[in-house]
C-alpha cells in the first residue's frame, strides 16, 4: 500500500534483501510480483542449468550478458509478473529505461541482445 505523503510510492528494499513488505493484511507479499526486471535477469543468469539456452553471461566480471532466446525470456518475465501479454518489445523498453537510471548500459561494441549491468548492479 502506498504511504501517505510519499507521492504514492512505497519504500524500496535493497537489492539483496528479501522482500518482506506487507500487503496491508499483515501477510508478507509473495516474492514473485514485486521484483525488478534487472533482479529477474540476474536470477535467470544465476541458474544456467535451467535458463542457459535463454540467457547467458558473456563476461561475468564486467556484467555483460546476452539474451539468446528473447521470446522465452519475455514469456518467463510475463509469467513472473502475471502479465500474459508480455513480449520482448515491452521488456526491452524497460531495459532501455535502465540506461537512464544507471542500472544498465550499452556495451562498448553495440551488439543485438547484449547488455551490461552497471556497477554496483553487476555484483
PDB file of N, CA and C in Angstrom:
ATOM      1  N   UNK A   1       0.841  -1.185   0.000  1.00  0.00           N
ATOM      2  CA  UNK A   1       0.000   0.000   0.000  1.00  0.00           C
ATOM      3  C   UNK A   1       0.879   1.239   0.000  1.00  0.00           C
ATOM      4  N   UNK A   2       0.526   2.270  -0.766  1.00  0.00           N
ATOM      5  CA  UNK A   2       1.324   3.490  -0.755  1.00  0.00           C
ATOM      6  C   UNK A   2       1.241   4.171   0.601  1.00  0.00           C
ATOM      7  N   UNK A   3       2.340   4.762   0.995  1.00  0.00           N
ATOM      8  CA  UNK A   3       2.369   5.503   2.235  1.00  0.00           C
ATOM      9  C   UNK A   3       1.843   6.902   1.991  1.00  0.00           C
ATOM     10  N   UNK A   4       1.063   7.411   2.911  1.00  0.00           N
ATOM     11  CA  UNK A   4       0.502   8.733   2.764  1.00  0.00           C
ATOM     12  C   UNK A   4       1.607   9.770   2.809  1.00  0.00           C
ATOM     13  N   UNK A   5       1.542  10.731   1.896  1.00  0.00           N
ATOM     14  CA  UNK A   5       2.510  11.810   1.882  1.00  0.00           C
ATOM     15  C   UNK A   5       3.815  11.460   1.169  1.00  0.00           C
ATOM     16  N   UNK A   6       3.872  10.320   0.478  1.00  0.00           N
ATOM     17  CA  UNK A   6       5.103   9.948  -0.225  1.00  0.00           C
ATOM     18  C   UNK A   6       4.934   9.985  -1.733  1.00  0.00           C
ATOM     19  N   UNK A   7       3.879  10.602  -2.193  1.00  0.00           N
ATOM     20  CA  UNK A   7       3.688  10.684  -3.634  1.00  0.00           C
ATOM     21  C   UNK A   7       3.234   9.369  -4.244  1.00  0.00           C
ATOM     22  N   UNK A   8       2.647   8.482  -3.432  1.00  0.00           N
ATOM     23  CA  UNK A   8       2.089   7.249  -3.961  1.00  0.00           C
ATOM     24  C   UNK A   8       3.092   6.138  -4.145  1.00  0.00           C
ATOM     25  N   UNK A   9       4.254   6.262  -3.544  1.00  0.00           N
ATOM     26  CA  UNK A   9       5.241   5.202  -3.691  1.00  0.00           C
ATOM     27  C   UNK A   9       5.518   4.558  -2.352  1.00  0.00           C
ATOM     28  N   UNK A  10       5.974   3.340  -2.414  1.00  0.00           N
ATOM     29  CA  UNK A  10       6.378   2.647  -1.201  1.00  0.00           C
ATOM     30  C   UNK A  10       7.889   2.611  -1.158  1.00  0.00           C
ATOM     31  N   UNK A  11       8.464   2.539   0.011  1.00  0.00           N
ATOM     32  CA  UNK A  11       9.925   2.466   0.073  1.00  0.00           C
ATOM     33  C   UNK A  11      10.421   1.193  -0.576  1.00  0.00           C
ATOM     34  N   UNK A  12      11.541   1.283  -1.262  1.00  0.00           N
ATOM     35  CA  UNK A  12      12.080   0.092  -1.920  1.00  0.00           C
ATOM     36  C   UNK A  12      13.021  -0.631  -0.981  1.00  0.00           C
ATOM     37  N   UNK A  13      13.164  -1.924  -1.226  1.00  0.00           N
ATOM     38  CA  UNK A  13      14.097  -2.714  -0.435  1.00  0.00           C
ATOM     39  C   UNK A  13      15.434  -2.702  -1.134  1.00  0.00           C
ATOM     40  N   UNK A  14      16.491  -2.995  -0.412  1.00  0.00           N
ATOM     41  CA  UNK A  14      17.804  -3.045  -1.036  1.00  0.00           C
ATOM     42  C   UNK A  14      17.880  -4.239  -1.969  1.00  0.00           C
ATOM     43  N   UNK A  15      18.820  -4.191  -2.897  1.00  0.00           N
ATOM     44  CA  UNK A  15      18.892  -5.196  -3.954  1.00  0.00           C
ATOM     45  C   UNK A  15      19.020  -6.614  -3.427  1.00  0.00           C
ATOM     46  N   UNK A  16      19.757  -6.828  -2.359  1.00  0.00           N
ATOM     47  CA  UNK A  16      19.979  -8.173  -1.878  1.00  0.00           C
ATOM     48  C   UNK A  16      18.998  -8.628  -0.818  1.00  0.00           C
ATOM     49  N   UNK A  17      18.218  -7.726  -0.287  1.00  0.00           N
ATOM     50  CA  UNK A  17      17.320  -8.075   0.814  1.00  0.00           C
ATOM     51  C   UNK A  17      16.062  -8.746   0.305  1.00  0.00           C
ATOM     52  N   UNK A  18      15.556  -9.726   1.020  1.00  0.00           N
ATOM     53  CA  UNK A  18      14.298 -10.339   0.610  1.00  0.00           C
ATOM     54  C   UNK A  18      13.159  -9.360   0.786  1.00  0.00           C
ATOM     55  N   UNK A  19      12.157  -9.497  -0.054  1.00  0.00           N
ATOM     56  CA  UNK A  19      11.020  -8.600   0.008  1.00  0.00           C
ATOM     57  C   UNK A  19      10.055  -9.093   1.077  1.00  0.00           C
ATOM     58  N   UNK A  20       9.988  -8.365   2.180  1.00  0.00           N
ATOM     59  CA  UNK A  20       9.102  -8.761   3.265  1.00  0.00           C
ATOM     60  C   UNK A  20       8.073  -7.684   3.554  1.00  0.00           C
ATOM     61  N   UNK A  21       7.842  -6.779   2.602  1.00  0.00           N
ATOM     62  CA  UNK A  21       6.871  -5.726   2.845  1.00  0.00           C
ATOM     63  C   UNK A  21       5.475  -6.316   2.951  1.00  0.00           C
ATOM     64  N   UNK A  22       4.628  -5.616   3.643  1.00  0.00           N
ATOM     65  CA  UNK A  22       3.287  -6.106   3.933  1.00  0.00           C
ATOM     66  C   UNK A  22       2.321  -5.779   2.812  1.00  0.00           C
ATOM     67  N   UNK A  23       1.314  -6.594   2.662  1.00  0.00           N
ATOM     68  CA  UNK A  23       0.275  -6.362   1.674  1.00  0.00           C
ATOM     69  C   UNK A  23      -0.856  -5.526   2.254  1.00  0.00           C
ATOM     70  N   UNK A  24      -0.745  -5.147   3.525  1.00  0.00           N
ATOM     71  CA  UNK A  24      -1.813  -4.403   4.172  1.00  0.00           C
ATOM     72  C   UNK A  24      -2.720  -5.316   4.967  1.00  0.00           C
ATOM     73  N   UNK A  25      -2.563  -6.615   4.784  1.00  0.00           N
ATOM     74  CA  UNK A  25      -3.380  -7.586   5.504  1.00  0.00           C
ATOM     75  C   UNK A  25      -2.579  -8.233   6.616  1.00  0.00           C
ATOM     76  N   UNK A  26      -1.345  -7.775   6.798  1.00  0.00           N
ATOM     77  CA  UNK A  26      -0.486  -8.375   7.810  1.00  0.00           C
ATOM     78  C   UNK A  26       0.306  -9.552   7.299  1.00  0.00           C
ATOM     79  N   UNK A  27       0.033  -9.969   6.062  1.00  0.00           N
ATOM     80  CA  UNK A  27       0.762 -11.092   5.466  1.00  0.00           C
ATOM     81  C   UNK A  27       1.855 -10.546   4.559  1.00  0.00           C
ATOM     82  N   UNK A  28       3.023 -11.169   4.557  1.00  0.00           N
ATOM     83  CA  UNK A  28       4.066 -10.709   3.637  1.00  0.00           C
ATOM     84  C   UNK A  28       3.659 -10.975   2.193  1.00  0.00           C
ATOM     85  N   UNK A  29       4.191 -10.151   1.291  1.00  0.00           N
ATOM     86  CA  UNK A  29       3.924 -10.347  -0.132  1.00  0.00           C
ATOM     87  C   UNK A  29       4.587 -11.608  -0.622  1.00  0.00           C
ATOM     88  N   UNK A  30       3.995 -12.195  -1.622  1.00  0.00           N
ATOM     89  CA  UNK A  30       4.661 -13.304  -2.292  1.00  0.00           C
ATOM     90  C   UNK A  30       5.820 -12.708  -3.092  1.00  0.00           C
ATOM     91  N   UNK A  31       6.954 -13.355  -3.102  1.00  0.00           N
ATOM     92  CA  UNK A  31       8.179 -12.807  -3.669  1.00  0.00           C
ATOM     93  C   UNK A  31       8.161 -12.547  -5.159  1.00  0.00           C
ATOM     94  N   UNK A  32       7.229 -13.087  -5.918  1.00  0.00           N
ATOM     95  CA  UNK A  32       7.299 -13.022  -7.362  1.00  0.00           C
ATOM     96  C   UNK A  32       6.874 -11.735  -8.011  1.00  0.00           C
ATOM     97  N   UNK A  33       5.841 -11.071  -7.526  1.00  0.00           N
ATOM     98  CA  UNK A  33       5.282  -9.965  -8.285  1.00  0.00           C
ATOM     99  C   UNK A  33       5.989  -8.643  -8.035  1.00  0.00           C
ATOM    100  N   UNK A  34       6.716  -8.508  -6.932  1.00  0.00           N
ATOM    101  CA  UNK A  34       7.362  -7.238  -6.630  1.00  0.00           C
ATOM    102  C   UNK A  34       8.874  -7.359  -6.826  1.00  0.00           C
ATOM    103  N   UNK A  35       9.245  -7.671  -8.042  1.00  0.00           N
ATOM    104  CA  UNK A  35      10.656  -7.824  -8.383  1.00  0.00           C
ATOM    105  C   UNK A  35      10.938  -6.925  -9.586  1.00  0.00           C
ATOM    106  N   UNK A  36      12.119  -6.364  -9.609  1.00  0.00           N
ATOM    107  CA  UNK A  36      12.511  -5.534 -10.738  1.00  0.00           C
ATOM    108  C   UNK A  36      13.072  -6.425 -11.839  1.00  0.00           C
ATOM    109  N   UNK A  37      12.949  -5.957 -13.069  1.00  0.00           N
ATOM    110  CA  UNK A  37      13.426  -6.728 -14.217  1.00  0.00           C
ATOM    111  C   UNK A  37      14.908  -7.066 -14.088  1.00  0.00           C
ATOM    112  N   UNK A  38      15.728  -6.112 -13.665  1.00  0.00           N
ATOM    113  CA  UNK A  38      17.171  -6.393 -13.563  1.00  0.00           C
ATOM    114  C   UNK A  38      17.439  -7.504 -12.554  1.00  0.00           C
ATOM    115  N   UNK A  39      16.656  -7.563 -11.470  1.00  0.00           N
ATOM    116  CA  UNK A  39      16.823  -8.633 -10.483  1.00  0.00           C
ATOM    117  C   UNK A  39      16.409  -9.975 -11.087  1.00  0.00           C
ATOM    118  N   UNK A  40      15.341  -9.957 -11.855  1.00  0.00           N
ATOM    119  CA  UNK A  40      14.858 -11.167 -12.515  1.00  0.00           C
ATOM    120  C   UNK A  40      15.899 -11.689 -13.506  1.00  0.00           C
ATOM    121  N   UNK A  41      16.485 -10.787 -14.284  1.00  0.00           N
ATOM    122  CA  UNK A  41      17.512 -11.204 -15.248  1.00  0.00           C
ATOM    123  C   UNK A  41      18.699 -11.835 -14.530  1.00  0.00           C
ATOM    124  N   UNK A  42      19.087 -11.265 -13.399  1.00  0.00           N
ATOM    125  CA  UNK A  42      20.191 -11.846 -12.628  1.00  0.00           C
ATOM    126  C   UNK A  42      19.817 -13.210 -12.066  1.00  0.00           C
ATOM    127  N   UNK A  43      18.551 -13.391 -11.694  1.00  0.00           N
ATOM    128  CA  UNK A  43      18.089 -14.720 -11.253  1.00  0.00           C
ATOM    129  C   UNK A  43      18.252 -15.740 -12.364  1.00  0.00           C
ATOM    130  N   UNK A  44      17.835 -15.358 -13.580  1.00  0.00           N
ATOM    131  CA  UNK A  44      17.975 -16.275 -14.714  1.00  0.00           C
ATOM    132  C   UNK A  44      19.441 -16.580 -14.983  1.00  0.00           C
ATOM    133  N   UNK A  45      20.270 -15.557 -14.932  1.00  0.00           N
ATOM    134  CA  UNK A  45      21.699 -15.738 -15.175  1.00  0.00           C
ATOM    135  C   UNK A  45      22.353 -16.614 -14.105  1.00  0.00           C
ATOM    136  N   UNK A  46      21.801 -16.611 -12.916  1.00  0.00           N
ATOM    137  CA  UNK A  46      22.359 -17.399 -11.808  1.00  0.00           C
ATOM    138  C   UNK A  46      22.003 -18.878 -11.905  1.00  0.00           C
ATOM    139  N   UNK A  47      21.110 -19.224 -12.823  1.00  0.00           N
ATOM    140  CA  UNK A  47      20.689 -20.627 -12.974  1.00  0.00           C
ATOM    141  C   UNK A  47      20.895 -21.085 -14.416  1.00  0.00           C
ATOM    142  N   UNK A  48      22.166 -21.169 -14.855  1.00  0.00           N
ATOM    143  CA  UNK A  48      22.427 -21.550 -16.246  1.00  0.00           C
ATOM    144  C   UNK A  48      21.952 -22.961 -16.579  1.00  0.00           C
ATOM    145  N   UNK A  49      21.865 -23.826 -15.584  1.00  0.00           N
ATOM    146  CA  UNK A  49      21.378 -25.182 -15.840  1.00  0.00           C
ATOM    147  C   UNK A  49      19.911 -25.163 -16.275  1.00  0.00           C
ATOM    148  N   UNK A  50      19.148 -24.195 -15.810  1.00  0.00           N
ATOM    149  CA  UNK A  50      17.730 -24.093 -16.181  1.00  0.00           C
ATOM    150  C   UNK A  50      17.503 -23.131 -17.345  1.00  0.00           C
ATOM    151  N   UNK A  51      18.278 -22.039 -17.386  1.00  0.00           N
ATOM    152  CA  UNK A  51      17.978 -20.971 -18.343  1.00  0.00           C
ATOM    153  C   UNK A  51      19.137 -20.619 -19.270  1.00  0.00           C
ATOM    154  N   UNK A  52      20.162 -21.462 -19.304  1.00  0.00           N
ATOM    155  CA  UNK A  52      21.349 -21.180 -20.101  1.00  0.00           C
ATOM    156  C   UNK A  52      21.100 -21.062 -21.590  1.00  0.00           C
ATOM    157  N   UNK A  53      20.034 -21.664 -22.079  1.00  0.00           N
ATOM    158  CA  UNK A  53      19.733 -21.538 -23.507  1.00  0.00           C
ATOM    159  C   UNK A  53      18.970 -20.251 -23.810  1.00  0.00           C
ATOM    160  N   UNK A  54      18.464 -19.582 -22.765  1.00  0.00           N
ATOM    161  CA  UNK A  54      17.696 -18.354 -22.962  1.00  0.00           C
ATOM    162  C   UNK A  54      18.522 -17.101 -22.689  1.00  0.00           C
ATOM    163  N   UNK A  55      19.436 -17.188 -21.709  1.00  0.00           N
ATOM    164  CA  UNK A  55      20.237 -16.030 -21.310  1.00  0.00           C
ATOM    165  C   UNK A  55      21.545 -16.550 -20.711  1.00  0.00           C
ATOM    166  N   UNK A  56      22.660 -15.872 -21.021  1.00  0.00           N
ATOM    167  CA  UNK A  56      23.943 -16.352 -20.505  1.00  0.00           C
ATOM    168  C   UNK A  56      24.907 -15.184 -20.331  1.00  0.00           C
ATOM    169  N   UNK A  57      25.864 -15.393 -19.439  1.00  0.00           N
ATOM    170  CA  UNK A  57      26.923 -14.409 -19.239  1.00  0.00           C
ATOM    171  C   UNK A  57      27.890 -14.479 -20.416  1.00  0.00           C
ATOM    172  N   UNK A  58      28.326 -13.333 -20.894  1.00  0.00           N
ATOM    173  CA  UNK A  58      29.418 -13.252 -21.858  1.00  0.00           C
ATOM    174  C   UNK A  58      30.699 -12.939 -21.096  1.00  0.00           C
ATOM    175  N   UNK A  59      30.617 -11.944 -20.195  1.00  0.00           N
ATOM    176  CA  UNK A  59      31.752 -11.604 -19.331  1.00  0.00           C
ATOM    177  C   UNK A  59      31.187 -11.242 -17.963  1.00  0.00           C
ATOM    178  N   UNK A  60      31.158 -12.224 -17.086  1.00  0.00           N
ATOM    179  CA  UNK A  60      30.556 -12.060 -15.755  1.00  0.00           C
ATOM    180  C   UNK A  60      31.233 -10.937 -14.967  1.00  0.00           C
ATOM    181  N   UNK A  61      32.572 -10.834 -15.069  1.00  0.00           N
ATOM    182  CA  UNK A  61      33.292  -9.831 -14.288  1.00  0.00           C
ATOM    183  C   UNK A  61      32.936  -8.404 -14.701  1.00  0.00           C
ATOM    184  N   UNK A  62      32.566  -8.218 -15.965  1.00  0.00           N
ATOM    185  CA  UNK A  62      32.165  -6.895 -16.453  1.00  0.00           C
ATOM    186  C   UNK A  62      30.647  -6.712 -16.448  1.00  0.00           C
ATOM    187  N   UNK A  63      29.910  -7.761 -16.092  1.00  0.00           N
ATOM    188  CA  UNK A  63      28.454  -7.662 -16.051  1.00  0.00           C
ATOM    189  C   UNK A  63      27.796  -7.736 -17.416  1.00  0.00           C
ATOM    190  N   UNK A  64      28.488  -8.292 -18.405  1.00  0.00           N
ATOM    191  CA  UNK A  64      27.970  -8.368 -19.779  1.00  0.00           C
ATOM    192  C   UNK A  64      27.284  -9.715 -19.989  1.00  0.00           C
ATOM    193  N   UNK A  65      26.061  -9.659 -20.508  1.00  0.00           N
ATOM    194  CA  UNK A  65      25.307 -10.876 -20.767  1.00  0.00           C
ATOM    195  C   UNK A  65      24.563 -10.763 -22.087  1.00  0.00           C
ATOM    196  N   UNK A  66      24.121 -11.915 -22.580  1.00  0.00           N
ATOM    197  CA  UNK A  66      23.383 -11.956 -23.835  1.00  0.00           C
ATOM    198  C   UNK A  66      22.085 -12.720 -23.649  1.00  0.00           C
ATOM    199  N   UNK A  67      21.019 -12.158 -24.204  1.00  0.00           N
ATOM    200  CA  UNK A  67      19.740 -12.849 -24.239  1.00  0.00           C
ATOM    201  C   UNK A  67      19.726 -13.677 -25.517  1.00  0.00           C
ATOM    202  N   UNK A  68      19.755 -14.985 -25.373  1.00  0.00           N
ATOM    203  CA  UNK A  68      19.802 -15.894 -26.514  1.00  0.00           C
ATOM    204  C   UNK A  68      18.413 -16.168 -27.087  1.00  0.00           C
ATOM    205  N   UNK A  69      17.420 -16.217 -26.229  1.00  0.00           N
ATOM    206  CA  UNK A  69      16.056 -16.516 -26.648  1.00  0.00           C
ATOM    207  C   UNK A  69      15.132 -15.446 -26.071  1.00  0.00           C
ATOM    208  N   UNK A  70      14.958 -14.362 -26.825  1.00  0.00           N
ATOM    209  CA  UNK A  70      14.193 -13.212 -26.334  1.00  0.00           C
ATOM    210  C   UNK A  70      12.728 -13.554 -26.082  1.00  0.00           C
ATOM    211  N   UNK A  71      12.164 -14.427 -26.869  1.00  0.00           N
ATOM    212  CA  UNK A  71      10.769 -14.823 -26.682  1.00  0.00           C
ATOM    213  C   UNK A  71      10.602 -15.553 -25.352  1.00  0.00           C
ATOM    214  N   UNK A  72      11.518 -16.457 -25.070  1.00  0.00           N
ATOM    215  CA  UNK A  72      11.438 -17.222 -23.820  1.00  0.00           C
ATOM    216  C   UNK A  72      11.643 -16.336 -22.590  1.00  0.00           C
ATOM    217  N   UNK A  73      12.634 -15.442 -22.645  1.00  0.00           N
ATOM    218  CA  UNK A  73      12.885 -14.544 -21.517  1.00  0.00           C
ATOM    219  C   UNK A  73      11.657 -13.663 -21.279  1.00  0.00           C
ATOM    220  N   UNK A  74      11.073 -13.132 -22.326  1.00  0.00           N
ATOM    221  CA  UNK A  74       9.877 -12.291 -22.179  1.00  0.00           C
ATOM    222  C   UNK A  74       8.712 -13.099 -21.614  1.00  0.00           C
ATOM    223  N   UNK A  75       8.559 -14.332 -22.058  1.00  0.00           N
ATOM    224  CA  UNK A  75       7.480 -15.184 -21.546  1.00  0.00           C
ATOM    225  C   UNK A  75       7.673 -15.476 -20.058  1.00  0.00           C
ATOM    226  N   UNK A  76       8.907 -15.778 -19.667  1.00  0.00           N
ATOM    227  CA  UNK A  76       9.202 -16.026 -18.252  1.00  0.00           C
ATOM    228  C   UNK A  76       8.939 -14.781 -17.407  1.00  0.00           C
ATOM    229  N   UNK A  77       9.333 -13.615 -17.914  1.00  0.00           N
ATOM    230  CA  UNK A  77       9.104 -12.355 -17.202  1.00  0.00           C
ATOM    231  C   UNK A  77       7.608 -12.072 -17.084  1.00  0.00           C
ATOM    232  N   UNK A  78       6.872 -12.299 -18.159  1.00  0.00           N
ATOM    233  CA  UNK A  78       5.419 -12.095 -18.128  1.00  0.00           C
ATOM    234  C   UNK A  78       4.741 -13.024 -17.141  1.00  0.00           C
ATOM    235  N   UNK A  79       5.192 -14.263 -17.071  1.00  0.00           N
ATOM    236  CA  UNK A  79       4.634 -15.228 -16.118  1.00  0.00           C
ATOM    237  C   UNK A  79       4.930 -14.775 -14.689  1.00  0.00           C
ATOM    238  N   UNK A  80       6.153 -14.320 -14.458  1.00  0.00           N
ATOM    239  CA  UNK A  80       6.560 -13.893 -13.115  1.00  0.00           C
ATOM    240  C   UNK A  80       5.755 -12.686 -12.642  1.00  0.00           C
ATOM    241  N   UNK A  81       5.467 -11.751 -13.558  1.00  0.00           N
ATOM    242  CA  UNK A  81       4.738 -10.537 -13.216  1.00  0.00           C
ATOM    243  C   UNK A  81       3.232 -10.654 -13.432  1.00  0.00           C
ATOM    244  N   UNK A  82       2.782 -11.852 -13.815  1.00  0.00           N
ATOM    245  CA  UNK A  82       1.371 -12.088 -14.103  1.00  0.00           C
ATOM    246  C   UNK A  82       0.867 -11.149 -15.205  1.00  0.00           C
ATOM    247  N   UNK A  83       1.665 -11.039 -16.256  1.00  0.00           N
ATOM    248  CA  UNK A  83       1.342 -10.225 -17.431  1.00  0.00           C
ATOM    249  C   UNK A  83       1.454 -11.113 -18.671  1.00  0.00           C
ATOM    250  N   UNK A  84       0.379 -11.829 -18.999  1.00  0.00           N
ATOM    251  CA  UNK A  84       0.451 -12.783 -20.116  1.00  0.00           C
ATOM    252  C   UNK A  84       0.786 -12.152 -21.467  1.00  0.00           C
ATOM    253  N   UNK A  85       0.504 -10.866 -21.634  1.00  0.00           N
ATOM    254  CA  UNK A  85       0.751 -10.216 -22.925  1.00  0.00           C
ATOM    255  C   UNK A  85       2.180  -9.691 -23.059  1.00  0.00           C
ATOM    256  N   UNK A  86       3.050 -10.007 -22.114  1.00  0.00           N
ATOM    257  CA  UNK A  86       4.433  -9.522 -22.166  1.00  0.00           C
ATOM    258  C   UNK A  86       5.130 -10.067 -23.414  1.00  0.00           C
ATOM    259  N   UNK A  87       5.851  -9.180 -24.076  1.00  0.00           N
ATOM    260  CA  UNK A  87       6.664  -9.602 -25.212  1.00  0.00           C
ATOM    261  C   UNK A  87       8.025  -8.906 -25.123  1.00  0.00           C
ATOM    262  N   UNK A  88       8.920  -9.237 -26.030  1.00  0.00           N
ATOM    263  CA  UNK A  88      10.268  -8.697 -25.927  1.00  0.00           C
ATOM    264  C   UNK A  88      10.306  -7.194 -26.179  1.00  0.00           C
ATOM    265  N   UNK A  89       9.423  -6.672 -27.008  1.00  0.00           N
ATOM    266  CA  UNK A  89       9.389  -5.223 -27.232  1.00  0.00           C
ATOM    267  C   UNK A  89       9.151  -4.480 -25.921  1.00  0.00           C
ATOM    268  N   UNK A  90       8.211  -4.967 -25.132  1.00  0.00           N
ATOM    269  CA  UNK A  90       7.906  -4.333 -23.845  1.00  0.00           C
ATOM    270  C   UNK A  90       9.058  -4.509 -22.863  1.00  0.00           C
ATOM    271  N   UNK A  91       9.619  -5.699 -22.818  1.00  0.00           N
ATOM    272  CA  UNK A  91      10.735  -5.971 -21.916  1.00  0.00           C
ATOM    273  C   UNK A  91      11.946  -5.103 -22.274  1.00  0.00           C
ATOM    274  N   UNK A  92      12.250  -4.979 -23.547  1.00  0.00           N
ATOM    275  CA  UNK A  92      13.425  -4.207 -23.960  1.00  0.00           C
ATOM    276  C   UNK A  92      13.235  -2.714 -23.698  1.00  0.00           C
ATOM    277  N   UNK A  93      12.006  -2.254 -23.695  1.00  0.00           N
ATOM    278  CA  UNK A  93      11.751  -0.859 -23.345  1.00  0.00           C
ATOM    279  C   UNK A  93      12.167  -0.612 -21.897  1.00  0.00           C
ATOM    280  N   UNK A  94      11.862  -1.556 -21.025  1.00  0.00           N
ATOM    281  CA  UNK A  94      12.280  -1.432 -19.624  1.00  0.00           C
ATOM    282  C   UNK A  94      13.801  -1.424 -19.509  1.00  0.00           C
ATOM    283  N   UNK A  95      14.455  -2.253 -20.295  1.00  0.00           N
ATOM    284  CA  UNK A  95      15.921  -2.278 -20.273  1.00  0.00           C
ATOM    285  C   UNK A  95      16.469  -0.918 -20.711  1.00  0.00           C
ATOM    286  N   UNK A  96      15.885  -0.326 -21.741  1.00  0.00           N
ATOM    287  CA  UNK A  96      16.348   0.990 -22.195  1.00  0.00           C
ATOM    288  C   UNK A  96      16.156   2.053 -21.117  1.00  0.00           C
ATOM    289  N   UNK A  97      15.098   1.917 -20.321  1.00  0.00           N
ATOM    290  CA  UNK A  97      14.902   2.858 -19.206  1.00  0.00           C
ATOM    291  C   UNK A  97      16.029   2.725 -18.182  1.00  0.00           C
ATOM    292  N   UNK A  98      16.567   1.528 -18.054  1.00  0.00           N
ATOM    293  CA  UNK A  98      17.675   1.307 -17.121  1.00  0.00           C
ATOM    294  C   UNK A  98      18.938   2.052 -17.536  1.00  0.00           C
ATOM    295  N   UNK A  99      19.092   2.377 -18.830  1.00  0.00           N
ATOM    296  CA  UNK A  99      20.242   3.159 -19.272  1.00  0.00           C
ATOM    297  C   UNK A  99      20.219   4.522 -18.579  1.00  0.00           C
ATOM    298  N   UNK A 100      19.039   5.143 -18.539  1.00  0.00           N
ATOM    299  CA  UNK A 100      18.901   6.470 -17.928  1.00  0.00           C
ATOM    300  C   UNK A 100      19.095   6.411 -16.417  1.00  0.00           C
ATOM    301  N   UNK A 101      18.710   5.291 -15.806  1.00  0.00           N
ATOM    302  CA  UNK A 101      18.794   5.150 -14.351  1.00  0.00           C
ATOM    303  C   UNK A 101      20.164   4.685 -13.875  1.00  0.00           C
ATOM    304  N   UNK A 102      21.045   4.321 -14.814  1.00  0.00           N
ATOM    305  CA  UNK A 102      22.377   3.885 -14.440  1.00  0.00           C
ATOM    306  C   UNK A 102      22.435   2.450 -13.935  1.00  0.00           C
ATOM    307  N   UNK A 103      21.425   1.662 -14.263  1.00  0.00           N
ATOM    308  CA  UNK A 103      21.400   0.255 -13.864  1.00  0.00           C
ATOM    309  C   UNK A 103      22.061  -0.607 -14.926  1.00  0.00           C
ATOM    310  N   UNK A 104      21.851  -0.228 -16.181  1.00  0.00           N
ATOM    311  CA  UNK A 104      22.453  -0.940 -17.307  1.00  0.00           C
ATOM    312  C   UNK A 104      23.028   0.081 -18.269  1.00  0.00           C
ATOM    313  N   UNK A 105      23.905  -0.393 -19.126  1.00  0.00           N
ATOM    314  CA  UNK A 105      24.473   0.460 -20.170  1.00  0.00           C
ATOM    315  C   UNK A 105      24.668  -0.359 -21.431  1.00  0.00           C
ATOM    316  N   UNK A 106      24.809   0.368 -22.536  1.00  0.00           N
ATOM    317  CA  UNK A 106      25.113  -0.314 -23.784  1.00  0.00           C
ATOM    318  C   UNK A 106      26.540  -0.829 -23.706  1.00  0.00           C
ATOM    319  N   UNK A 107      26.790  -1.924 -24.379  1.00  0.00           N
ATOM    320  CA  UNK A 107      28.146  -2.478 -24.387  1.00  0.00           C
ATOM    321  C   UNK A 107      29.032  -1.622 -25.292  1.00  0.00           C
ATOM    322  N   UNK A 108      30.336  -1.773 -25.130  1.00  0.00           N
ATOM    323  CA  UNK A 108      31.287  -0.981 -25.917  1.00  0.00           C
ATOM    324  C   UNK A 108      31.038  -1.143 -27.412  1.00  0.00           C
ATOM    325  N   UNK A 109      30.941  -2.386 -27.839  1.00  0.00           N
ATOM    326  CA  UNK A 109      30.569  -2.666 -29.236  1.00  0.00           C
ATOM    327  C   UNK A 109      29.125  -3.101 -29.220  1.00  0.00           C
ATOM    328  N   UNK A 110      28.256  -2.204 -29.609  1.00  0.00           N
ATOM    329  CA  UNK A 110      26.825  -2.473 -29.519  1.00  0.00           C
ATOM    330  C   UNK A 110      26.457  -3.694 -30.368  1.00  0.00           C
ATOM    331  N   UNK A 111      25.930  -4.709 -29.684  1.00  0.00           N
ATOM    332  CA  UNK A 111      25.508  -5.932 -30.359  1.00  0.00           C
ATOM    333  C   UNK A 111      24.058  -6.200 -29.990  1.00  0.00           C
ATOM    334  N   UNK A 112      23.355  -6.845 -30.887  1.00  0.00           N
ATOM    335  CA  UNK A 112      21.955  -7.159 -30.656  1.00  0.00           C
ATOM    336  C   UNK A 112      21.812  -8.131 -29.480  1.00  0.00           C
ATOM    337  N   UNK A 113      20.931  -7.786 -28.544  1.00  0.00           N
ATOM    338  CA  UNK A 113      20.590  -8.598 -27.382  1.00  0.00           C
ATOM    339  C   UNK A 113      21.744  -8.785 -26.390  1.00  0.00           C
ATOM    340  N   UNK A 114      22.746  -7.927 -26.459  1.00  0.00           N
ATOM    341  CA  UNK A 114      23.851  -7.960 -25.500  1.00  0.00           C
ATOM    342  C   UNK A 114      23.751  -6.715 -24.637  1.00  0.00           C
ATOM    343  N   UNK A 115      23.763  -6.917 -23.327  1.00  0.00           N
ATOM    344  CA  UNK A 115      23.573  -5.837 -22.367  1.00  0.00           C
ATOM    345  C   UNK A 115      24.637  -5.915 -21.290  1.00  0.00           C
ATOM    346  N   UNK A 116      24.770  -4.805 -20.546  1.00  0.00           N
ATOM    347  CA  UNK A 116      25.762  -4.766 -19.480  1.00  0.00           C
ATOM    348  C   UNK A 116      25.170  -4.087 -18.250  1.00  0.00           C
ATOM    349  N   UNK A 117      25.321  -4.742 -17.099  1.00  0.00           N
ATOM    350  CA  UNK A 117      24.935  -4.137 -15.833  1.00  0.00           C
ATOM    351  C   UNK A 117      25.996  -3.121 -15.446  1.00  0.00           C
ATOM    352  N   UNK A 118      25.567  -1.997 -14.897  1.00  0.00           N
ATOM    353  CA  UNK A 118      26.494  -1.014 -14.347  1.00  0.00           C
ATOM    354  C   UNK A 118      26.844  -1.417 -12.918  1.00  0.00           C
ATOM    355  N   UNK A 119      27.979  -0.941 -12.457  1.00  0.00           N
ATOM    356  CA  UNK A 119      28.366  -1.162 -11.062  1.00  0.00           C
ATOM    357  C   UNK A 119      27.438  -0.316 -10.184  1.00  0.00           C
ATOM    358  N   UNK A 120      26.901  -0.738  -9.101  1.00  0.00           N
ATOM    359  CA  UNK A 120      27.123  -1.973  -8.355  1.00  0.00           C
ATOM    360  C   UNK A 120      26.151  -3.093  -8.728  1.00  0.00           C
ATOM    361  N   UNK A 121      25.321  -2.881  -9.737  1.00  0.00           N
ATOM    362  CA  UNK A 121      24.329  -3.891 -10.112  1.00  0.00           C
ATOM    363  C   UNK A 121      24.973  -5.126 -10.728  1.00  0.00           C
ATOM    364  N   UNK A 122      26.205  -4.985 -11.191  1.00  0.00           N
ATOM    365  CA  UNK A 122      26.888  -6.119 -11.815  1.00  0.00           C
ATOM    366  C   UNK A 122      27.433  -7.100 -10.783  1.00  0.00           C
ATOM    367  N   UNK A 123      27.436  -6.723  -9.523  1.00  0.00           N
ATOM    368  CA  UNK A 123      27.987  -7.608  -8.478  1.00  0.00           C
ATOM    369  C   UNK A 123      27.082  -8.783  -8.187  1.00  0.00           C
TER     370      UNK A 123
END
